[in-house]
Structure formats: structure tokens, C-alpha cells
Amino acid sequence: MSFGSSVLQRAPERRQHRPAVVATTESVSYELVGPADAPVVVVLGGISASRHVTGSEHDTRRGWWEEIVGPGRTIDTDCHRVLSIDYLTPRQRGQPVTTHDQARALARALDAAEIDSVSAVVGASYGGMVALAFGAIAPSRADRLVVIAAAHESAPIATAIRLLQRRIVAFGILCGSAEEALVLARGVALSTYTSAEEFALRFSSSGSSDPAERCRSIGDYLRASGERFAGTFSPQRFLALAESIDLHRVTPAEVRVPTTLIAVLEDTLVPVSQARELAASLGGPCRLVEISSLHGHDTFLNAPEVIAPHVARALTLLSSVQ
């Protein structure tokens, strides 16, 4: 199904900015930024994302999607109230957490904030999976979904890569080298977040023709990135959320909320063929946007200017089913 003819909405009124709300209920932590009377947009990111999407008067630290969310930006916190959550991890060892569990946690956060429904759920990567699960279990609570670099299930090649990462971390825990194992696993992950072309450009720009120097340069980059990740993420949390991605499964026909899918042609983790399959199978109206970016899966983080116009259009178009 596809969106039919569309007209632009009038630009939302700018409202008086109010302090952010940060709250922790018995089972979920969330943050709200923006005017209390503005339409609510839920924003969800990858497994390393947190409830802190953008800086505010309450918390001036830089948020994980600062380029897209904030005053005057694509998701304008002068016109919208933005809510995000901290993802759950299992309370008991060996008990997996699913994207449907995260969607139910989002529903509880909305209940706690006394929000009946939201204008949109914008989710990228793991957050896109959670957005689809939310659309399946709570269709009356979202006017639309914007799903970036995510599909209804994990692609087999992506699961294979993550299985190896999880085995590296599990082996590291067994050997007493959990942090080093997490650094290595993150390095493997980084090689899948971008494209081969972007990697080639990044490491050919140094001008060195010495293969040994190039190896050192690539190794230093992977280690530094892995160490930054390991400094903020525990091995146990990584294992739980990486497994959650691999266990993800949503029946597309059960998602009847109008949806915009944004797929990156160079994304090796979510092949564009999978996005096309999802678009053809959703139970509600869908608009599929295919874009090209050397940044691959992580385009939403590393080239937000490529994603921004499509997110903006998804949030401002009134659509009807043909």
C-alpha cells in the first residue's frame, strides 16, 4: 500500500519552551523535552542510544541525535515535545528482552507521562524495530511511524555477524577479559555500520602507500572506537540488546499505522530488498524512501543531513490511502 495525494500542513506554532522532564518509573526511565502542550514525537535510536536525545535547560549535555532534534531543527523542540526511553535489559539471567518488551516499556512511559497518543514514533536501527513493534501492539497510540534502517526481522547475514560478536564477548567474560572482548566486538560491528567505499575513502586519505602503516591506522581507529563504546556500555548489556536485535520479529500485516520507511542502498545490515519486502507487506499505508549514502547503516548518525529532509517530510505530510 502507498500514501496517496498529500498536502503540507501549516507550520506548527512555536510554543513557550518548558524545562525537560526526566522520570524513572518502576520499570522504565524516560525524558521529555519541549512545550507541555505540544504534539509528542517519540524518538528511539540504536542499542547505544539513551533517553537523552538532545540537550535542554534541564540537562545541557549533548544528546545522541543533537543534529536532528532540538530548537529549530528537523524535530523542532519549540514545536514538538520529544520523548525517549532508556532500553530495558533482562532482570533475570538467561531471560531475553524483545523489541515487543521495549514497545511495552514505551507504552508504560507514555502512561506515566499521561500521554494517550503521539504524533509520531521515529525510530532508527534498533529503535526502528521497536517502533514497528509499538505499531503492532498499540496502533491507536501513534498517528504515524518513521522507521529508518530497520525492518520486520533481522537479516540472516546481520544475525551471523552479531552472533560472532556475542560469542567474542561471552568468551571474553569466561576468560576474565570482558572489556577487551567488548572492544573487539565493537570493532567488528563498526565494519558493518558503514560501507566499503566509505572505509576506503577514510583510510586512503592519509596518503600513505605503506600497507603496514595503513593496518596500524585502521587498527588504531577500531580500538579507539571500541574503547569509547566499552567505557559507556557493559558487556552484559551489549549481549542482551544484541540478542534482542536477532530475536526481533514483527508480522508486517499487524502494523496498520501509516509508516514511512527510510532505507539506505549501501546498508549491509538491513538490505534494501528487505525494506521493499516490508513496505509491500505492511497492514497500513506505507511510503518507502530509498536513499544512497556511503555511510551505510549509520547514515542517520554520521550523515544526518541526508536523513533530515525525509524525516521532515514524514512529519509534515497529511496522507491518505489511495
C-alpha atoms as a PDB file:
ATOM      1  CA  MET A   1       0.000   0.000   0.000  1.00  0.00           C
ATOM      2  CA  SER A   2       1.174   3.558  -0.519  1.00  0.00           C
ATOM      3  CA  PHE A   3       0.335   7.030   0.666  1.00  0.00           C
ATOM      4  CA  GLY A   4      -1.968   8.844  -1.681  1.00  0.00           C
ATOM      5  CA  SER A   5      -2.112  12.551  -2.524  1.00  0.00           C
ATOM      6  CA  SER A   6      -0.595  14.720   0.164  1.00  0.00           C
ATOM      7  CA  VAL A   7      -0.754  18.362   1.241  1.00  0.00           C
ATOM      8  CA  LEU A   8       1.580  20.233   3.513  1.00  0.00           C
ATOM      9  CA  GLN A   9       0.352  21.047   6.987  1.00  0.00           C
ATOM     10  CA  ARG A  10       0.604  24.609   8.280  1.00  0.00           C
ATOM     11  CA  ALA A  11       3.840  25.017  10.213  1.00  0.00           C
ATOM     12  CA  PRO A  12       3.252  24.278  13.925  1.00  0.00           C
ATOM     13  CA  GLU A  13       3.039  27.256  16.235  1.00  0.00           C
ATOM     14  CA  ARG A  14       6.100  27.839  18.370  1.00  0.00           C
ATOM     15  CA  ARG A  15       5.224  27.410  21.995  1.00  0.00           C
ATOM     16  CA  GLN A  16       6.816  28.626  25.170  1.00  0.00           C
ATOM     17  CA  HIS A  17       9.690  26.278  25.945  1.00  0.00           C
ATOM     18  CA  ARG A  18       9.376  24.425  29.243  1.00  0.00           C
ATOM     19  CA  PRO A  19      12.028  22.555  31.248  1.00  0.00           C
ATOM     20  CA  ALA A  20      12.612  18.915  30.385  1.00  0.00           C
ATOM     21  CA  VAL A  21      11.022  16.160  32.427  1.00  0.00           C
ATOM     22  CA  VAL A  22      13.190  13.226  33.460  1.00  0.00           C
ATOM     23  CA  ALA A  23      11.467  10.383  35.270  1.00  0.00           C
ATOM     24  CA  THR A  24      12.028   6.799  36.285  1.00  0.00           C
ATOM     25  CA  THR A  25       9.065   4.561  36.925  1.00  0.00           C
ATOM     26  CA  GLU A  26       9.276   1.099  38.417  1.00  0.00           C
ATOM     27  CA  SER A  27      10.225  -0.378  35.050  1.00  0.00           C
ATOM     28  CA  VAL A  28      11.315   2.378  32.614  1.00  0.00           C
ATOM     29  CA  SER A  29      13.253   5.646  32.554  1.00  0.00           C
ATOM     30  CA  TYR A  30      12.226   8.384  30.130  1.00  0.00           C
ATOM     31  CA  GLU A  31      12.932  12.005  29.241  1.00  0.00           C
ATOM     32  CA  LEU A  32      10.570  14.639  27.821  1.00  0.00           C
ATOM     33  CA  VAL A  33      11.830  17.816  26.150  1.00  0.00           C
ATOM     34  CA  GLY A  34       9.650  20.584  24.718  1.00  0.00           C
ATOM     35  CA  PRO A  35       6.458  22.519  25.453  1.00  0.00           C
ATOM     36  CA  ALA A  36       3.961  20.657  27.619  1.00  0.00           C
ATOM     37  CA  ASP A  37       1.074  21.413  25.247  1.00  0.00           C
ATOM     38  CA  ALA A  38       2.886  20.473  22.016  1.00  0.00           C
ATOM     39  CA  PRO A  39       2.278  17.308  19.985  1.00  0.00           C
ATOM     40  CA  VAL A  40       4.517  14.476  21.164  1.00  0.00           C
ATOM     41  CA  VAL A  41       7.106  12.759  18.969  1.00  0.00           C
ATOM     42  CA  VAL A  42       8.835   9.653  20.310  1.00  0.00           C
ATOM     43  CA  VAL A  43      12.471   9.300  19.192  1.00  0.00           C
ATOM     44  CA  LEU A  44      14.342   5.990  19.525  1.00  0.00           C
ATOM     45  CA  GLY A  45      17.868   5.122  18.402  1.00  0.00           C
ATOM     46  CA  GLY A  46      20.262   2.191  18.244  1.00  0.00           C
ATOM     47  CA  ILE A  47      21.215  -0.024  21.176  1.00  0.00           C
ATOM     48  CA  SER A  48      23.767   2.523  22.414  1.00  0.00           C
ATOM     49  CA  ALA A  49      21.200   5.355  22.432  1.00  0.00           C
ATOM     50  CA  SER A  50      19.698   6.645  25.666  1.00  0.00           C
ATOM     51  CA  ARG A  51      16.704   8.682  26.735  1.00  0.00           C
ATOM     52  CA  HIS A  52      18.876  11.813  26.355  1.00  0.00           C
ATOM     53  CA  VAL A  53      18.229  12.674  22.701  1.00  0.00           C
ATOM     54  CA  THR A  54      19.084  16.373  22.846  1.00  0.00           C
ATOM     55  CA  GLY A  55      20.396  18.947  25.278  1.00  0.00           C
ATOM     56  CA  SER A  56      17.934  21.095  27.205  1.00  0.00           C
ATOM     57  CA  GLU A  57      17.790  23.588  30.043  1.00  0.00           C
ATOM     58  CA  HIS A  58      17.432  20.652  32.431  1.00  0.00           C
ATOM     59  CA  ASP A  59      20.419  18.753  31.010  1.00  0.00           C
ATOM     60  CA  THR A  60      22.796  20.678  28.741  1.00  0.00           C
ATOM     61  CA  ARG A  61      24.865  17.643  27.798  1.00  0.00           C
ATOM     62  CA  ARG A  62      24.918  16.854  24.090  1.00  0.00           C
ATOM     63  CA  GLY A  63      22.268  14.305  23.129  1.00  0.00           C
ATOM     64  CA  TRP A  64      22.847  11.355  20.831  1.00  0.00           C
ATOM     65  CA  TRP A  65      20.793  12.903  17.954  1.00  0.00           C
ATOM     66  CA  GLU A  66      21.558  16.569  18.529  1.00  0.00           C
ATOM     67  CA  GLU A  67      21.789  17.304  14.786  1.00  0.00           C
ATOM     68  CA  ILE A  68      18.158  16.275  14.202  1.00  0.00           C
ATOM     69  CA  VAL A  69      16.370  17.076  17.477  1.00  0.00           C
ATOM     70  CA  GLY A  70      16.320  20.470  19.182  1.00  0.00           C
ATOM     71  CA  PRO A  71      15.112  24.062  18.816  1.00  0.00           C
ATOM     72  CA  GLY A  72      14.737  24.970  15.139  1.00  0.00           C
ATOM     73  CA  ARG A  73      15.967  21.551  13.960  1.00  0.00           C
ATOM     74  CA  THR A  74      14.223  18.839  11.955  1.00  0.00           C
ATOM     75  CA  ILE A  75      12.343  17.574  15.002  1.00  0.00           C
ATOM     76  CA  ASP A  76      11.812  21.008  16.490  1.00  0.00           C
ATOM     77  CA  THR A  77      11.524  21.054  20.276  1.00  0.00           C
ATOM     78  CA  ASP A  78       9.969  24.520  20.054  1.00  0.00           C
ATOM     79  CA  CYS A  79       7.018  22.931  18.239  1.00  0.00           C
ATOM     80  CA  HIS A  80       7.077  19.330  19.453  1.00  0.00           C
ATOM     81  CA  ARG A  81       7.530  17.545  22.741  1.00  0.00           C
ATOM     82  CA  VAL A  82      10.098  14.770  22.326  1.00  0.00           C
ATOM     83  CA  LEU A  83      10.017  11.636  24.467  1.00  0.00           C
ATOM     84  CA  SER A  84      12.602   8.873  24.596  1.00  0.00           C
ATOM     85  CA  ILE A  85      13.390   5.977  26.910  1.00  0.00           C
ATOM     86  CA  ASP A  86      16.323   4.002  28.214  1.00  0.00           C
ATOM     87  CA  TYR A  87      16.090   0.485  26.811  1.00  0.00           C
ATOM     88  CA  LEU A  88      15.315  -2.392  29.146  1.00  0.00           C
ATOM     89  CA  THR A  89      17.702  -5.237  29.835  1.00  0.00           C
ATOM     90  CA  PRO A  90      16.668  -8.576  31.383  1.00  0.00           C
ATOM     91  CA  ARG A  91      16.127  -8.676  35.124  1.00  0.00           C
ATOM     92  CA  GLN A  92      16.980 -12.376  35.259  1.00  0.00           C
ATOM     93  CA  ARG A  93      19.965 -14.108  33.696  1.00  0.00           C
ATOM     94  CA  GLY A  94      19.056 -16.070  30.592  1.00  0.00           C
ATOM     95  CA  GLN A  95      15.740 -14.288  30.090  1.00  0.00           C
ATOM     96  CA  PRO A  96      15.790 -12.450  26.719  1.00  0.00           C
ATOM     97  CA  VAL A  97      14.338  -8.994  26.225  1.00  0.00           C
ATOM     98  CA  THR A  98      12.438  -8.456  22.983  1.00  0.00           C
ATOM     99  CA  THR A  99      11.541  -5.429  20.894  1.00  0.00           C
ATOM    100  CA  HIS A 100       7.942  -6.038  21.990  1.00  0.00           C
ATOM    101  CA  ASP A 101       9.151  -5.712  25.617  1.00  0.00           C
ATOM    102  CA  GLN A 102      10.700  -2.358  24.674  1.00  0.00           C
ATOM    103  CA  ALA A 103       7.464  -1.297  22.961  1.00  0.00           C
ATOM    104  CA  ARG A 104       5.502  -2.147  26.098  1.00  0.00           C
ATOM    105  CA  ALA A 105       8.027  -0.164  28.152  1.00  0.00           C
ATOM    106  CA  LEU A 106       7.416   2.804  25.833  1.00  0.00           C
ATOM    107  CA  ALA A 107       3.678   2.434  26.422  1.00  0.00           C
ATOM    108  CA  ARG A 108       4.290   2.481  30.188  1.00  0.00           C
ATOM    109  CA  ALA A 109       6.395   5.633  29.843  1.00  0.00           C
ATOM    110  CA  LEU A 110       3.555   7.302  27.931  1.00  0.00           C
ATOM    111  CA  ASP A 111       1.124   6.209  30.639  1.00  0.00           C
ATOM    112  CA  ALA A 112       3.381   7.627  33.341  1.00  0.00           C
ATOM    113  CA  ALA A 113       3.627  10.921  31.433  1.00  0.00           C
ATOM    114  CA  GLU A 114      -0.176  10.908  30.966  1.00  0.00           C
ATOM    115  CA  ILE A 115       0.145  10.862  27.159  1.00  0.00           C
ATOM    116  CA  ASP A 116      -2.632   8.947  25.409  1.00  0.00           C
ATOM    117  CA  SER A 117      -1.201   9.072  21.894  1.00  0.00           C
ATOM    118  CA  VAL A 118       1.690  10.590  19.964  1.00  0.00           C
ATOM    119  CA  SER A 119       2.035  12.352  16.664  1.00  0.00           C
ATOM    120  CA  ALA A 120       4.814  10.010  15.552  1.00  0.00           C
ATOM    121  CA  VAL A 121       7.311   7.399  16.623  1.00  0.00           C
ATOM    122  CA  VAL A 122      10.641   7.984  14.869  1.00  0.00           C
ATOM    123  CA  GLY A 123      12.987   5.043  15.242  1.00  0.00           C
ATOM    124  CA  ALA A 124      16.395   4.308  13.723  1.00  0.00           C
ATOM    125  CA  SER A 125      18.180   0.936  13.713  1.00  0.00           C
ATOM    126  CA  TYR A 126      17.078  -0.916  16.887  1.00  0.00           C
ATOM    127  CA  GLY A 127      14.719   1.972  17.573  1.00  0.00           C
ATOM    128  CA  GLY A 128      13.065   1.350  14.210  1.00  0.00           C
ATOM    129  CA  MET A 129      12.451  -2.253  15.224  1.00  0.00           C
ATOM    130  CA  VAL A 130      10.875  -1.059  18.482  1.00  0.00           C
ATOM    131  CA  ALA A 131       8.758   1.447  16.536  1.00  0.00           C
ATOM    132  CA  LEU A 132       7.385  -1.359  14.356  1.00  0.00           C
ATOM    133  CA  ALA A 133       6.633  -3.465  17.454  1.00  0.00           C
ATOM    134  CA  PHE A 134       4.842  -0.477  19.004  1.00  0.00           C
ATOM    135  CA  GLY A 135       2.807  -0.036  15.840  1.00  0.00           C
ATOM    136  CA  ALA A 136       1.763  -3.683  16.080  1.00  0.00           C
ATOM    137  CA  ILE A 137       0.778  -3.720  19.770  1.00  0.00           C
ATOM    138  CA  ALA A 138      -0.544  -0.173  20.228  1.00  0.00           C
ATOM    139  CA  PRO A 139      -1.758   1.113  16.846  1.00  0.00           C
ATOM    140  CA  SER A 140      -4.180   3.626  18.366  1.00  0.00           C
ATOM    141  CA  ARG A 141      -1.392   5.393  20.248  1.00  0.00           C
ATOM    142  CA  ALA A 142       0.640   6.666  17.248  1.00  0.00           C
ATOM    143  CA  ASP A 143      -0.520   8.678  14.244  1.00  0.00           C
ATOM    144  CA  ARG A 144       2.437   7.524  12.179  1.00  0.00           C
ATOM    145  CA  LEU A 145       5.765   5.684  12.264  1.00  0.00           C
ATOM    146  CA  VAL A 146       9.052   6.802  10.736  1.00  0.00           C
ATOM    147  CA  VAL A 147      11.351   3.772  10.518  1.00  0.00           C
ATOM    148  CA  ILE A 148      14.977   4.293   9.497  1.00  0.00           C
ATOM    149  CA  ALA A 149      17.402   1.463   8.696  1.00  0.00           C
ATOM    150  CA  ALA A 150      15.209  -1.220  10.254  1.00  0.00           C
ATOM    151  CA  ALA A 151      12.873  -3.973   9.137  1.00  0.00           C
ATOM    152  CA  HIS A 152      10.453  -6.575  10.500  1.00  0.00           C
ATOM    153  CA  GLU A 153      13.205  -9.084  11.278  1.00  0.00           C
ATOM    154  CA  SER A 154      16.973  -9.346  11.344  1.00  0.00           C
ATOM    155  CA  ALA A 155      18.586 -10.245   8.022  1.00  0.00           C
ATOM    156  CA  PRO A 156      20.448 -13.589   8.208  1.00  0.00           C
ATOM    157  CA  ILE A 157      23.827 -12.030   7.385  1.00  0.00           C
ATOM    158  CA  ALA A 158      23.324  -9.403  10.104  1.00  0.00           C
ATOM    159  CA  THR A 159      22.428 -12.084  12.641  1.00  0.00           C
ATOM    160  CA  ALA A 160      25.526 -14.075  11.679  1.00  0.00           C
ATOM    161  CA  ILE A 161      27.766 -11.062  12.281  1.00  0.00           C
ATOM    162  CA  ARG A 162      26.142 -10.281  15.633  1.00  0.00           C
ATOM    163  CA  LEU A 163      26.314 -13.922  16.730  1.00  0.00           C
ATOM    164  CA  LEU A 164      30.080 -13.780  16.264  1.00  0.00           C
ATOM    165  CA  GLN A 165      30.258 -10.501  18.211  1.00  0.00           C
ATOM    166  CA  ARG A 166      28.257 -12.021  21.062  1.00  0.00           C
ATOM    167  CA  ARG A 167      30.482 -15.108  21.104  1.00  0.00           C
ATOM    168  CA  ILE A 168      33.559 -12.898  21.334  1.00  0.00           C
ATOM    169  CA  VAL A 169      32.088 -11.091  24.339  1.00  0.00           C
ATOM    170  CA  ALA A 170      30.871 -14.298  26.006  1.00  0.00           C
ATOM    171  CA  PHE A 171      34.324 -15.848  25.571  1.00  0.00           C
ATOM    172  CA  GLY A 172      35.926 -12.713  26.996  1.00  0.00           C
ATOM    173  CA  ILE A 173      33.705 -12.902  30.084  1.00  0.00           C
ATOM    174  CA  LEU A 174      34.663 -16.562  30.524  1.00  0.00           C
ATOM    175  CA  CYS A 175      38.365 -15.713  30.281  1.00  0.00           C
ATOM    176  CA  GLY A 176      38.194 -12.677  32.551  1.00  0.00           C
ATOM    177  CA  SER A 177      38.742 -10.212  29.684  1.00  0.00           C
ATOM    178  CA  ALA A 178      35.214  -8.944  29.206  1.00  0.00           C
ATOM    179  CA  GLU A 179      36.113  -5.321  28.438  1.00  0.00           C
ATOM    180  CA  GLU A 180      38.776  -6.228  25.885  1.00  0.00           C
ATOM    181  CA  ALA A 181      36.301  -8.622  24.238  1.00  0.00           C
ATOM    182  CA  LEU A 182      33.711  -5.852  24.032  1.00  0.00           C
ATOM    183  CA  VAL A 183      36.296  -3.576  22.380  1.00  0.00           C
ATOM    184  CA  LEU A 184      36.964  -6.282  19.769  1.00  0.00           C
ATOM    185  CA  ALA A 185      33.266  -6.967  19.201  1.00  0.00           C
ATOM    186  CA  ARG A 186      32.609  -3.261  18.698  1.00  0.00           C
ATOM    187  CA  GLY A 187      35.384  -3.142  16.136  1.00  0.00           C
ATOM    188  CA  VAL A 188      33.700  -5.935  14.178  1.00  0.00           C
ATOM    189  CA  ALA A 189      30.396  -4.048  14.402  1.00  0.00           C
ATOM    190  CA  LEU A 190      31.939  -0.816  13.114  1.00  0.00           C
ATOM    191  CA  SER A 191      32.962  -2.542   9.903  1.00  0.00           C
ATOM    192  CA  THR A 192      29.258  -3.224   9.200  1.00  0.00           C
ATOM    193  CA  TYR A 193      27.860   0.188  10.114  1.00  0.00           C
ATOM    194  CA  THR A 194      29.372   1.949   7.105  1.00  0.00           C
ATOM    195  CA  SER A 195      30.110   0.964   3.506  1.00  0.00           C
ATOM    196  CA  ALA A 196      33.251  -0.464   1.963  1.00  0.00           C
ATOM    197  CA  GLU A 197      33.533   2.708  -0.141  1.00  0.00           C
ATOM    198  CA  GLU A 198      33.439   4.980   2.915  1.00  0.00           C
ATOM    199  CA  PHE A 199      36.055   2.849   4.657  1.00  0.00           C
ATOM    200  CA  ALA A 200      38.281   3.038   1.581  1.00  0.00           C
ATOM    201  CA  LEU A 201      37.946   6.824   1.407  1.00  0.00           C
ATOM    202  CA  ARG A 202      38.615   7.205   5.122  1.00  0.00           C
ATOM    203  CA  PHE A 203      41.888   5.248   5.026  1.00  0.00           C
ATOM    204  CA  SER A 204      43.168   6.270   1.621  1.00  0.00           C
ATOM    205  CA  SER A 205      43.067   9.962   2.518  1.00  0.00           C
ATOM    206  CA  SER A 206      46.166   9.623   4.716  1.00  0.00           C
ATOM    207  CA  GLY A 207      48.279   9.461   1.569  1.00  0.00           C
ATOM    208  CA  SER A 208      50.436   6.623   2.904  1.00  0.00           C
ATOM    209  CA  SER A 209      51.192   3.791   0.478  1.00  0.00           C
ATOM    210  CA  ASP A 210      52.724   1.635   3.201  1.00  0.00           C
ATOM    211  CA  PRO A 211      50.413  -1.363   3.925  1.00  0.00           C
ATOM    212  CA  ALA A 212      51.805  -1.685   7.452  1.00  0.00           C
ATOM    213  CA  GLU A 213      51.005   1.956   8.192  1.00  0.00           C
ATOM    214  CA  ARG A 214      47.504   1.522   6.799  1.00  0.00           C
ATOM    215  CA  CYS A 215      46.977  -1.533   9.018  1.00  0.00           C
ATOM    216  CA  ARG A 216      48.101   0.446  12.064  1.00  0.00           C
ATOM    217  CA  SER A 217      45.794   3.314  11.136  1.00  0.00           C
ATOM    218  CA  ILE A 218      42.764   1.045  10.755  1.00  0.00           C
ATOM    219  CA  GLY A 219      43.629  -0.838  13.930  1.00  0.00           C
ATOM    220  CA  ASP A 220      44.007   2.380  15.916  1.00  0.00           C
ATOM    221  CA  TYR A 221      40.627   3.614  14.673  1.00  0.00           C
ATOM    222  CA  LEU A 222      38.844   0.371  15.584  1.00  0.00           C
ATOM    223  CA  ARG A 223      40.480   0.194  19.020  1.00  0.00           C
ATOM    224  CA  ALA A 224      39.773   3.836  19.891  1.00  0.00           C
ATOM    225  CA  SER A 225      36.132   3.494  18.845  1.00  0.00           C
ATOM    226  CA  GLY A 226      35.788   0.208  20.699  1.00  0.00           C
ATOM    227  CA  GLU A 227      37.299   1.657  23.877  1.00  0.00           C
ATOM    228  CA  ARG A 228      34.900   4.619  23.784  1.00  0.00           C
ATOM    229  CA  PHE A 229      31.985   2.214  23.499  1.00  0.00           C
ATOM    230  CA  ALA A 230      33.268  -0.083  26.254  1.00  0.00           C
ATOM    231  CA  GLY A 231      33.647   2.936  28.524  1.00  0.00           C
ATOM    232  CA  THR A 232      29.891   3.544  28.470  1.00  0.00           C
ATOM    233  CA  PHE A 233      28.416   0.085  27.831  1.00  0.00           C
ATOM    234  CA  SER A 234      28.665  -3.082  29.888  1.00  0.00           C
ATOM    235  CA  PRO A 235      29.333  -6.470  28.254  1.00  0.00           C
ATOM    236  CA  GLN A 236      26.118  -7.841  29.776  1.00  0.00           C
ATOM    237  CA  ARG A 237      24.013  -5.011  28.350  1.00  0.00           C
ATOM    238  CA  PHE A 238      25.609  -5.500  24.945  1.00  0.00           C
ATOM    239  CA  LEU A 239      24.844  -9.233  24.976  1.00  0.00           C
ATOM    240  CA  ALA A 240      21.210  -8.621  25.938  1.00  0.00           C
ATOM    241  CA  LEU A 241      20.460  -5.932  23.372  1.00  0.00           C
ATOM    242  CA  ALA A 242      22.410  -7.564  20.527  1.00  0.00           C
ATOM    243  CA  GLU A 243      20.412 -10.738  21.153  1.00  0.00           C
ATOM    244  CA  SER A 244      17.225  -8.666  21.183  1.00  0.00           C
ATOM    245  CA  ILE A 245      18.002  -7.461  17.649  1.00  0.00           C
ATOM    246  CA  ASP A 246      18.492 -11.043  16.458  1.00  0.00           C
ATOM    247  CA  LEU A 247      15.232 -12.195  18.090  1.00  0.00           C
ATOM    248  CA  HIS A 248      13.255  -9.307  16.579  1.00  0.00           C
ATOM    249  CA  ARG A 249      10.186 -10.332  14.591  1.00  0.00           C
ATOM    250  CA  VAL A 250       7.099  -8.301  13.730  1.00  0.00           C
ATOM    251  CA  THR A 251       4.319  -9.555  11.477  1.00  0.00           C
ATOM    252  CA  PRO A 252       4.077  -6.719   8.920  1.00  0.00           C
ATOM    253  CA  ALA A 253       0.323  -7.136   8.374  1.00  0.00           C
ATOM    254  CA  GLU A 254      -0.245  -6.346  12.053  1.00  0.00           C
ATOM    255  CA  VAL A 255       1.294  -2.865  11.628  1.00  0.00           C
ATOM    256  CA  ARG A 256      -1.621  -0.733  10.434  1.00  0.00           C
ATOM    257  CA  VAL A 257      -0.210   2.651  11.424  1.00  0.00           C
ATOM    258  CA  PRO A 258       0.768   4.858   8.437  1.00  0.00           C
ATOM    259  CA  THR A 259       4.508   4.322   8.027  1.00  0.00           C
ATOM    260  CA  THR A 260       7.436   5.958   6.273  1.00  0.00           C
ATOM    261  CA  LEU A 261      10.346   3.583   5.711  1.00  0.00           C
ATOM    262  CA  ILE A 262      13.762   5.117   5.015  1.00  0.00           C
ATOM    263  CA  ALA A 263      16.253   2.621   3.589  1.00  0.00           C
ATOM    264  CA  VAL A 264      19.900   3.177   2.633  1.00  0.00           C
ATOM    265  CA  LEU A 265      21.037   1.395  -0.506  1.00  0.00           C
ATOM    266  CA  GLU A 266      24.519   0.833   0.976  1.00  0.00           C
ATOM    267  CA  ASP A 267      23.191  -0.613   4.263  1.00  0.00           C
ATOM    268  CA  THR A 268      24.676  -4.093   4.683  1.00  0.00           C
ATOM    269  CA  LEU A 269      22.769  -4.834   7.910  1.00  0.00           C
ATOM    270  CA  VAL A 270      19.297  -4.009   6.546  1.00  0.00           C
ATOM    271  CA  PRO A 271      19.377  -4.763   2.800  1.00  0.00           C
ATOM    272  CA  VAL A 272      17.100  -2.570   0.713  1.00  0.00           C
ATOM    273  CA  SER A 273      15.396  -5.737  -0.567  1.00  0.00           C
ATOM    274  CA  GLN A 274      14.218  -6.370   2.986  1.00  0.00           C
ATOM    275  CA  ALA A 275      12.799  -2.831   3.250  1.00  0.00           C
ATOM    276  CA  ARG A 276      10.937  -3.366  -0.021  1.00  0.00           C
ATOM    277  CA  GLU A 277       9.508  -6.636   1.278  1.00  0.00           C
ATOM    278  CA  LEU A 278       8.342  -4.903   4.449  1.00  0.00           C
ATOM    279  CA  ALA A 279       6.805  -1.995   2.517  1.00  0.00           C
ATOM    280  CA  ALA A 280       4.798  -4.411   0.379  1.00  0.00           C
ATOM    281  CA  SER A 281       3.532  -6.356   3.407  1.00  0.00           C
ATOM    282  CA  LEU A 282       2.565  -3.703   5.971  1.00  0.00           C
ATOM    283  CA  GLY A 283      -1.067  -3.654   7.028  1.00  0.00           C
ATOM    284  CA  GLY A 284      -1.349   0.129   6.727  1.00  0.00           C
ATOM    285  CA  PRO A 285      -0.344   2.809   4.224  1.00  0.00           C
ATOM    286  CA  CYS A 286       3.386   2.992   3.594  1.00  0.00           C
ATOM    287  CA  ARG A 287       5.835   5.246   1.798  1.00  0.00           C
ATOM    288  CA  LEU A 288       9.270   3.766   1.097  1.00  0.00           C
ATOM    289  CA  VAL A 289      12.161   6.190   0.633  1.00  0.00           C
ATOM    290  CA  GLU A 290      15.395   4.763  -0.767  1.00  0.00           C
ATOM    291  CA  ILE A 291      18.494   6.923  -0.397  1.00  0.00           C
ATOM    292  CA  SER A 292      22.161   6.495  -1.233  1.00  0.00           C
ATOM    293  CA  SER A 293      24.881   7.204   1.315  1.00  0.00           C
ATOM    294  CA  LEU A 294      28.433   5.991   1.708  1.00  0.00           C
ATOM    295  CA  HIS A 295      27.773   5.966   5.477  1.00  0.00           C
ATOM    296  CA  GLY A 296      25.548   2.896   5.106  1.00  0.00           C
ATOM    297  CA  HIS A 297      23.585   1.756   8.150  1.00  0.00           C
ATOM    298  CA  ASP A 298      24.816   4.631  10.337  1.00  0.00           C
ATOM    299  CA  THR A 299      23.769   7.359   7.910  1.00  0.00           C
ATOM    300  CA  PHE A 300      21.244   8.579  10.475  1.00  0.00           C
ATOM    301  CA  LEU A 301      24.156   9.330  12.842  1.00  0.00           C
ATOM    302  CA  ASN A 302      27.054  10.175  10.544  1.00  0.00           C
ATOM    303  CA  ALA A 303      25.221  12.000   7.739  1.00  0.00           C
ATOM    304  CA  PRO A 304      22.083  13.367   9.420  1.00  0.00           C
ATOM    305  CA  GLU A 305      21.709  15.984   6.685  1.00  0.00           C
ATOM    306  CA  VAL A 306      20.881  13.151   4.262  1.00  0.00           C
ATOM    307  CA  ILE A 307      18.155  11.774   6.524  1.00  0.00           C
ATOM    308  CA  ALA A 308      16.717  15.083   7.769  1.00  0.00           C
ATOM    309  CA  PRO A 309      14.623  16.123   4.715  1.00  0.00           C
ATOM    310  CA  HIS A 310      12.867  12.762   4.638  1.00  0.00           C
ATOM    311  CA  VAL A 311      12.121  12.819   8.360  1.00  0.00           C
ATOM    312  CA  ALA A 312      10.799  16.368   7.999  1.00  0.00           C
ATOM    313  CA  ARG A 313       8.538  15.383   5.108  1.00  0.00           C
ATOM    314  CA  ALA A 314       7.225  12.360   7.014  1.00  0.00           C
ATOM    315  CA  LEU A 315       6.301  14.581   9.950  1.00  0.00           C
ATOM    316  CA  THR A 316       4.643  17.325   7.909  1.00  0.00           C
ATOM    317  CA  LEU A 317       2.655  15.484   5.252  1.00  0.00           C
ATOM    318  CA  LEU A 318      -1.022  14.708   5.621  1.00  0.00           C
ATOM    319  CA  SER A 319      -1.550  11.431   3.769  1.00  0.00           C
ATOM    320  CA  SER A 320      -4.460   9.298   2.676  1.00  0.00           C
ATOM    321  CA  VAL A 321      -4.637   5.804   1.283  1.00  0.00           C
ATOM    322  CA  GLN A 322      -5.029   5.596  -2.481  1.00  0.00           C
END
